[in-house]
Amino acid sequence: MQKFSYVMSWVCLVLAVVSAVFCYLKGQTLGFNHVIPASAGATAFFFMTAGGVLMTIGTTNLPKLHFDKDEL
């Protein structure tokens, strides 16, 4: 599960960059006060923070997270 979180963190970070570029390009044509660049900026922020959380989950060294039958 950690490997999947690590891979998805990179996907989120790439989507954050794509959203930021889209926000910048639409902001140049429509103005940054328009709803489309604003929502693209919010999307970039979401993907950036989700990527950071997933990166933390994916790179954390977790011990065994299951109980042995003897311990129950």
N, C-alpha and C. Protein backbone atom coordinates (compact mmCIF):
# COMPACT_ATOMS: atom_id res chain seq x y z
N MET A 1 0.81 -1.18 0.00
CA MET A 1 0.00 0.00 0.00
C MET A 1 0.87 1.27 0.00
N GLN A 2 2.04 1.18 0.64
CA GLN A 2 2.90 2.35 0.65
C GLN A 2 3.47 2.64 -0.73
N LYS A 3 3.76 1.61 -1.49
CA LYS A 3 4.28 1.83 -2.85
C LYS A 3 3.23 2.52 -3.71
N PHE A 4 1.99 2.10 -3.55
CA PHE A 4 0.90 2.73 -4.30
C PHE A 4 0.76 4.20 -3.89
N SER A 5 0.87 4.50 -2.60
CA SER A 5 0.80 5.89 -2.13
C SER A 5 1.94 6.71 -2.70
N TYR A 6 3.12 6.10 -2.76
CA TYR A 6 4.28 6.81 -3.30
C TYR A 6 4.09 7.14 -4.78
N VAL A 7 3.59 6.18 -5.54
CA VAL A 7 3.36 6.41 -6.98
C VAL A 7 2.27 7.46 -7.18
N MET A 8 1.20 7.36 -6.40
CA MET A 8 0.11 8.33 -6.53
C MET A 8 0.54 9.73 -6.10
N SER A 9 1.52 9.81 -5.20
CA SER A 9 2.02 11.13 -4.81
C SER A 9 2.69 11.82 -6.00
N TRP A 10 3.43 11.06 -6.79
CA TRP A 10 4.06 11.66 -7.97
C TRP A 10 3.01 12.03 -9.02
N VAL A 11 1.97 11.22 -9.14
CA VAL A 11 0.88 11.55 -10.07
C VAL A 11 0.22 12.86 -9.63
N CYS A 12 -0.03 12.99 -8.33
CA CYS A 12 -0.65 14.23 -7.82
C CYS A 12 0.25 15.43 -8.04
N LEU A 13 1.55 15.27 -7.85
CA LEU A 13 2.46 16.39 -8.04
C LEU A 13 2.54 16.81 -9.50
N VAL A 14 2.50 15.84 -10.41
CA VAL A 14 2.47 16.17 -11.84
C VAL A 14 1.18 16.90 -12.19
N LEU A 15 0.05 16.42 -11.65
CA LEU A 15 -1.22 17.09 -11.90
C LEU A 15 -1.24 18.48 -11.30
N ALA A 16 -0.54 18.69 -10.20
CA ALA A 16 -0.45 20.03 -9.61
C ALA A 16 0.28 20.98 -10.54
N VAL A 17 1.35 20.50 -11.14
CA VAL A 17 2.10 21.34 -12.08
C VAL A 17 1.25 21.65 -13.31
N VAL A 18 0.56 20.64 -13.83
CA VAL A 18 -0.31 20.86 -14.99
C VAL A 18 -1.41 21.86 -14.66
N SER A 19 -1.99 21.73 -13.48
CA SER A 19 -3.04 22.67 -13.08
C SER A 19 -2.50 24.08 -12.90
N ALA A 20 -1.30 24.20 -12.36
CA ALA A 20 -0.70 25.52 -12.17
C ALA A 20 -0.40 26.18 -13.52
N VAL A 21 0.09 25.40 -14.47
CA VAL A 21 0.36 25.95 -15.80
C VAL A 21 -0.95 26.36 -16.47
N PHE A 22 -1.98 25.53 -16.34
CA PHE A 22 -3.29 25.87 -16.90
C PHE A 22 -3.84 27.14 -16.24
N CYS A 23 -3.66 27.26 -14.93
CA CYS A 23 -4.10 28.46 -14.21
C CYS A 23 -3.39 29.70 -14.73
N TYR A 24 -2.09 29.58 -14.94
CA TYR A 24 -1.33 30.72 -15.44
C TYR A 24 -1.76 31.11 -16.85
N LEU A 25 -1.91 30.11 -17.72
CA LEU A 25 -2.28 30.41 -19.11
C LEU A 25 -3.69 30.99 -19.21
N LYS A 26 -4.63 30.43 -18.48
CA LYS A 26 -5.99 30.98 -18.51
C LYS A 26 -6.05 32.33 -17.80
N GLY A 27 -5.20 32.52 -16.81
CA GLY A 27 -5.15 33.81 -16.14
C GLY A 27 -4.65 34.91 -17.05
N GLN A 28 -3.76 34.56 -17.96
CA GLN A 28 -3.25 35.55 -18.91
C GLN A 28 -4.32 35.97 -19.91
N THR A 29 -5.18 35.03 -20.30
CA THR A 29 -6.19 35.37 -21.31
C THR A 29 -7.48 35.91 -20.68
N LEU A 30 -7.92 35.32 -19.58
CA LEU A 30 -9.20 35.72 -18.98
C LEU A 30 -9.06 36.70 -17.83
N GLY A 31 -7.88 36.79 -17.28
CA GLY A 31 -7.67 37.58 -16.07
C GLY A 31 -7.75 36.68 -14.85
N PHE A 32 -6.94 36.98 -13.87
CA PHE A 32 -6.86 36.10 -12.70
C PHE A 32 -8.06 36.22 -11.77
N ASN A 33 -8.95 37.17 -12.01
CA ASN A 33 -10.16 37.29 -11.20
C ASN A 33 -11.31 36.46 -11.75
N HIS A 34 -11.09 35.80 -12.87
CA HIS A 34 -12.13 34.96 -13.48
C HIS A 34 -12.20 33.63 -12.72
N VAL A 35 -13.34 32.97 -12.82
CA VAL A 35 -13.58 31.76 -12.03
C VAL A 35 -12.73 30.56 -12.51
N ILE A 36 -12.42 30.50 -13.79
CA ILE A 36 -11.68 29.35 -14.30
C ILE A 36 -10.23 29.33 -13.78
N PRO A 37 -9.47 30.43 -13.85
CA PRO A 37 -8.12 30.38 -13.26
C PRO A 37 -8.16 30.19 -11.74
N ALA A 38 -9.20 30.72 -11.10
CA ALA A 38 -9.30 30.54 -9.64
C ALA A 38 -9.51 29.07 -9.29
N SER A 39 -10.37 28.40 -10.02
CA SER A 39 -10.60 26.99 -9.73
C SER A 39 -9.39 26.14 -10.11
N ALA A 40 -8.68 26.52 -11.16
CA ALA A 40 -7.46 25.80 -11.52
C ALA A 40 -6.39 25.99 -10.46
N GLY A 41 -6.32 27.18 -9.88
CA GLY A 41 -5.37 27.42 -8.79
C GLY A 41 -5.72 26.61 -7.55
N ALA A 42 -7.02 26.50 -7.25
CA ALA A 42 -7.45 25.68 -6.11
C ALA A 42 -7.15 24.20 -6.37
N THR A 43 -7.32 23.78 -7.61
CA THR A 43 -7.02 22.40 -7.97
C THR A 43 -5.53 22.12 -7.84
N ALA A 44 -4.71 23.07 -8.26
CA ALA A 44 -3.25 22.91 -8.12
C ALA A 44 -2.87 22.82 -6.65
N PHE A 45 -3.47 23.65 -5.81
CA PHE A 45 -3.18 23.60 -4.38
C PHE A 45 -3.61 22.26 -3.78
N PHE A 46 -4.78 21.77 -4.17
CA PHE A 46 -5.25 20.48 -3.67
C PHE A 46 -4.30 19.36 -4.04
N PHE A 47 -3.92 19.28 -5.33
CA PHE A 47 -3.03 18.21 -5.77
C PHE A 47 -1.66 18.32 -5.12
N MET A 48 -1.18 19.54 -4.89
CA MET A 48 0.12 19.71 -4.26
C MET A 48 0.08 19.19 -2.82
N THR A 49 -0.96 19.55 -2.07
CA THR A 49 -1.03 19.09 -0.69
C THR A 49 -1.33 17.59 -0.60
N ALA A 50 -2.17 17.07 -1.48
CA ALA A 50 -2.44 15.63 -1.49
C ALA A 50 -1.17 14.87 -1.85
N GLY A 51 -0.39 15.39 -2.79
CA GLY A 51 0.88 14.75 -3.15
C GLY A 51 1.85 14.76 -1.99
N GLY A 52 1.87 15.83 -1.22
CA GLY A 52 2.75 15.88 -0.05
C GLY A 52 2.36 14.88 1.02
N VAL A 53 1.07 14.75 1.25
CA VAL A 53 0.60 13.78 2.25
C VAL A 53 0.88 12.36 1.78
N LEU A 54 0.59 12.07 0.52
CA LEU A 54 0.84 10.73 0.00
C LEU A 54 2.33 10.41 -0.04
N MET A 55 3.16 11.41 -0.29
CA MET A 55 4.62 11.20 -0.28
C MET A 55 5.08 10.85 1.13
N THR A 56 4.51 11.53 2.12
CA THR A 56 4.86 11.23 3.51
C THR A 56 4.43 9.81 3.88
N ILE A 57 3.23 9.43 3.48
CA ILE A 57 2.75 8.08 3.77
C ILE A 57 3.62 7.04 3.05
N GLY A 58 3.98 7.33 1.82
CA GLY A 58 4.74 6.37 1.03
C GLY A 58 6.18 6.20 1.45
N THR A 59 6.76 7.19 2.09
CA THR A 59 8.17 7.11 2.47
C THR A 59 8.38 6.86 3.96
N THR A 60 7.32 6.75 4.72
CA THR A 60 7.44 6.50 6.16
C THR A 60 7.81 5.04 6.39
N ASN A 61 8.70 4.81 7.33
CA ASN A 61 9.10 3.46 7.69
C ASN A 61 8.14 2.94 8.75
N LEU A 62 7.17 2.13 8.33
CA LEU A 62 6.17 1.61 9.25
C LEU A 62 6.55 0.21 9.73
N PRO A 63 6.36 -0.06 11.01
CA PRO A 63 6.61 -1.42 11.50
C PRO A 63 5.46 -2.34 11.11
N LYS A 64 5.52 -3.57 11.59
CA LYS A 64 4.42 -4.49 11.33
C LYS A 64 3.14 -3.90 11.92
N LEU A 65 2.10 -3.86 11.15
CA LEU A 65 0.86 -3.27 11.61
C LEU A 65 -0.23 -4.32 11.82
N HIS A 66 0.16 -5.56 12.00
CA HIS A 66 -0.83 -6.61 12.25
C HIS A 66 -0.46 -7.31 13.56
N PHE A 67 -1.46 -7.91 14.16
CA PHE A 67 -1.26 -8.62 15.41
C PHE A 67 -0.99 -10.08 15.12
N ASP A 68 -0.09 -10.67 15.90
CA ASP A 68 0.09 -12.11 15.82
C ASP A 68 -1.06 -12.79 16.56
N LYS A 69 -1.36 -14.00 16.17
CA LYS A 69 -2.46 -14.70 16.83
C LYS A 69 -2.16 -14.96 18.29
N ASP A 70 -0.89 -15.05 18.65
CA ASP A 70 -0.51 -15.29 20.04
C ASP A 70 -0.80 -14.06 20.90
N GLU A 71 -0.74 -12.88 20.31
CA GLU A 71 -0.95 -11.65 21.06
C GLU A 71 -2.42 -11.39 21.33
N LEU A 72 -3.31 -11.97 20.54
CA LEU A 72 -4.74 -11.75 20.75
C LEU A 72 -5.19 -12.63 21.85
